[in-house]
């Protein structure tokens, strides 16, 4: 039987230390508003491309995923130009979500 890979510890690209990661994470969260306390590492979901995966620190739609937030009925995928520095994050409806992996 194979074992699940260990969960990743919370981080926020490109923060250089835990204090900076926490501060920036809370700033993004406050800008979005109405999110839960859940710290999400990755999100697998259905979209127009089929099934997609967004993982913090990896690329989604040609940009680094900085953070993923949960809200009532939605998930927000934040990249530098979608939800962090400007514009709105990518929205994924809860009904389209296949799997969610939390940080450790």
C-alpha atoms as a PDB file:
ATOM      1  CA  UNK A   1       0.000   0.000   0.000  1.00  0.00           C
ATOM      2  CA  UNK A   2       1.369   3.410  -0.932  1.00  0.00           C
ATOM      3  CA  UNK A   3       1.531   6.230   1.559  1.00  0.00           C
ATOM      4  CA  UNK A   4       0.235   9.705   0.897  1.00  0.00           C
ATOM      5  CA  UNK A   5       3.013  12.257   0.517  1.00  0.00           C
ATOM      6  CA  UNK A   6       3.589  14.400   3.601  1.00  0.00           C
ATOM      7  CA  UNK A   7       1.682  17.665   3.702  1.00  0.00           C
ATOM      8  CA  UNK A   8       3.599  20.835   2.969  1.00  0.00           C
ATOM      9  CA  UNK A   9       4.156  23.407   5.676  1.00  0.00           C
ATOM     10  CA  UNK A  10       2.500  26.775   5.091  1.00  0.00           C
ATOM     11  CA  UNK A  11       4.450  29.187   2.896  1.00  0.00           C
ATOM     12  CA  UNK A  12       3.685  32.083   0.603  1.00  0.00           C
ATOM     13  CA  UNK A  13       5.780  32.717  -2.488  1.00  0.00           C
ATOM     14  CA  UNK A  14       7.920  34.828  -2.680  1.00  0.00           C
ATOM     15  CA  UNK A  15       8.006  35.646   1.069  1.00  0.00           C
ATOM     16  CA  UNK A  16      11.479  35.366   2.540  1.00  0.00           C
ATOM     17  CA  UNK A  17      10.413  34.374   6.067  1.00  0.00           C
ATOM     18  CA  UNK A  18       7.397  33.185   8.048  1.00  0.00           C
ATOM     19  CA  UNK A  19       6.592  36.656   9.407  1.00  0.00           C
ATOM     20  CA  UNK A  20       6.472  38.185   5.936  1.00  0.00           C
ATOM     21  CA  UNK A  21       4.395  35.245   4.647  1.00  0.00           C
ATOM     22  CA  UNK A  22       1.846  35.706   7.414  1.00  0.00           C
ATOM     23  CA  UNK A  23       1.631  39.472   6.967  1.00  0.00           C
ATOM     24  CA  UNK A  24       1.131  39.289   3.183  1.00  0.00           C
ATOM     25  CA  UNK A  25      -1.298  36.355   3.489  1.00  0.00           C
ATOM     26  CA  UNK A  26      -3.473  38.337   5.891  1.00  0.00           C
ATOM     27  CA  UNK A  27      -3.332  41.418   3.638  1.00  0.00           C
ATOM     28  CA  UNK A  28      -4.539  39.418   0.634  1.00  0.00           C
ATOM     29  CA  UNK A  29      -7.188  37.707   2.752  1.00  0.00           C
ATOM     30  CA  UNK A  30      -8.413  41.057   4.058  1.00  0.00           C
ATOM     31  CA  UNK A  31      -8.650  42.487   0.546  1.00  0.00           C
ATOM     32  CA  UNK A  32     -10.771  39.556  -0.633  1.00  0.00           C
ATOM     33  CA  UNK A  33     -12.916  39.488   2.520  1.00  0.00           C
ATOM     34  CA  UNK A  34     -15.288  36.804   3.738  1.00  0.00           C
ATOM     35  CA  UNK A  35     -12.837  33.920   3.627  1.00  0.00           C
ATOM     36  CA  UNK A  36     -12.455  31.089   6.118  1.00  0.00           C
ATOM     37  CA  UNK A  37      -9.381  30.424   8.272  1.00  0.00           C
ATOM     38  CA  UNK A  38      -8.559  27.312   6.190  1.00  0.00           C
ATOM     39  CA  UNK A  39      -5.059  27.330   4.672  1.00  0.00           C
ATOM     40  CA  UNK A  40      -5.207  25.597   1.324  1.00  0.00           C
ATOM     41  CA  UNK A  41      -2.167  24.202  -0.452  1.00  0.00           C
ATOM     42  CA  UNK A  42      -3.848  22.918  -3.628  1.00  0.00           C
ATOM     43  CA  UNK A  43      -7.174  22.729  -5.385  1.00  0.00           C
ATOM     44  CA  UNK A  44      -8.208  20.253  -8.088  1.00  0.00           C
ATOM     45  CA  UNK A  45     -11.289  21.365 -10.002  1.00  0.00           C
ATOM     46  CA  UNK A  46     -13.269  21.152 -13.210  1.00  0.00           C
ATOM     47  CA  UNK A  47     -13.132  24.092 -15.621  1.00  0.00           C
ATOM     48  CA  UNK A  48     -13.354  24.808 -19.343  1.00  0.00           C
ATOM     49  CA  UNK A  49     -10.036  22.968 -19.868  1.00  0.00           C
ATOM     50  CA  UNK A  50     -11.275  19.781 -18.175  1.00  0.00           C
ATOM     51  CA  UNK A  51      -9.660  19.130 -14.814  1.00  0.00           C
ATOM     52  CA  UNK A  52      -7.154  21.678 -13.506  1.00  0.00           C
ATOM     53  CA  UNK A  53      -4.835  21.817 -10.518  1.00  0.00           C
ATOM     54  CA  UNK A  54      -3.761  24.980  -8.727  1.00  0.00           C
ATOM     55  CA  UNK A  55      -1.022  24.562  -6.109  1.00  0.00           C
ATOM     56  CA  UNK A  56       0.599  27.333  -4.085  1.00  0.00           C
ATOM     57  CA  UNK A  57       4.097  27.885  -5.455  1.00  0.00           C
ATOM     58  CA  UNK A  58       3.331  26.213  -8.804  1.00  0.00           C
ATOM     59  CA  UNK A  59       2.108  27.700 -12.064  1.00  0.00           C
ATOM     60  CA  UNK A  60      -1.557  28.077 -12.960  1.00  0.00           C
ATOM     61  CA  UNK A  61      -2.535  29.860 -16.173  1.00  0.00           C
ATOM     62  CA  UNK A  62       1.106  30.924 -16.675  1.00  0.00           C
ATOM     63  CA  UNK A  63       1.479  32.580 -13.244  1.00  0.00           C
ATOM     64  CA  UNK A  64       2.672  31.471  -9.824  1.00  0.00           C
ATOM     65  CA  UNK A  65      -0.138  30.666  -7.397  1.00  0.00           C
ATOM     66  CA  UNK A  66       0.447  32.827  -4.322  1.00  0.00           C
ATOM     67  CA  UNK A  67      -2.525  31.778  -2.187  1.00  0.00           C
ATOM     68  CA  UNK A  68      -5.815  29.877  -2.292  1.00  0.00           C
ATOM     69  CA  UNK A  69      -8.741  30.882  -0.091  1.00  0.00           C
ATOM     70  CA  UNK A  70     -12.066  29.273   0.769  1.00  0.00           C
ATOM     71  CA  UNK A  71     -15.290  31.227   1.033  1.00  0.00           C
ATOM     72  CA  UNK A  72     -18.919  30.196   1.233  1.00  0.00           C
ATOM     73  CA  UNK A  73     -19.629  28.559  -2.111  1.00  0.00           C
ATOM     74  CA  UNK A  74     -16.363  29.618  -3.759  1.00  0.00           C
ATOM     75  CA  UNK A  75     -12.618  29.209  -3.737  1.00  0.00           C
ATOM     76  CA  UNK A  76     -10.257  32.025  -4.733  1.00  0.00           C
ATOM     77  CA  UNK A  77      -6.983  31.347  -6.529  1.00  0.00           C
ATOM     78  CA  UNK A  78      -4.626  34.309  -6.189  1.00  0.00           C
ATOM     79  CA  UNK A  79      -1.748  35.022  -8.550  1.00  0.00           C
ATOM     80  CA  UNK A  80       0.323  38.210  -8.812  1.00  0.00           C
ATOM     81  CA  UNK A  81      -2.032  39.776 -11.365  1.00  0.00           C
ATOM     82  CA  UNK A  82      -5.229  38.093 -10.177  1.00  0.00           C
ATOM     83  CA  UNK A  83      -5.968  38.935  -6.564  1.00  0.00           C
ATOM     84  CA  UNK A  84      -2.580  39.981  -5.211  1.00  0.00           C
ATOM     85  CA  UNK A  85      -1.465  43.202  -6.897  1.00  0.00           C
ATOM     86  CA  UNK A  86      -4.590  43.977  -8.869  1.00  0.00           C
ATOM     87  CA  UNK A  87      -7.802  42.666 -10.355  1.00  0.00           C
ATOM     88  CA  UNK A  88      -9.892  39.895  -8.875  1.00  0.00           C
ATOM     89  CA  UNK A  89      -8.708  36.364  -8.096  1.00  0.00           C
ATOM     90  CA  UNK A  90      -9.741  33.357 -10.141  1.00  0.00           C
ATOM     91  CA  UNK A  91     -13.086  32.109  -8.828  1.00  0.00           C
ATOM     92  CA  UNK A  92     -13.894  28.412  -8.603  1.00  0.00           C
ATOM     93  CA  UNK A  93     -17.364  27.327  -7.571  1.00  0.00           C
ATOM     94  CA  UNK A  94     -17.476  24.806  -4.733  1.00  0.00           C
ATOM     95  CA  UNK A  95     -19.525  22.459  -6.945  1.00  0.00           C
ATOM     96  CA  UNK A  96     -16.615  22.291  -9.426  1.00  0.00           C
ATOM     97  CA  UNK A  97     -14.043  21.285  -6.797  1.00  0.00           C
ATOM     98  CA  UNK A  98     -12.835  17.689  -6.907  1.00  0.00           C
ATOM     99  CA  UNK A  99     -10.220  17.774  -4.133  1.00  0.00           C
ATOM    100  CA  UNK A 100      -8.694  20.215  -1.653  1.00  0.00           C
ATOM    101  CA  UNK A 101      -5.352  19.746   0.095  1.00  0.00           C
ATOM    102  CA  UNK A 102      -4.638  21.830   3.165  1.00  0.00           C
ATOM    103  CA  UNK A 103      -1.245  22.902   4.418  1.00  0.00           C
ATOM    104  CA  UNK A 104       0.056  20.918   7.395  1.00  0.00           C
END
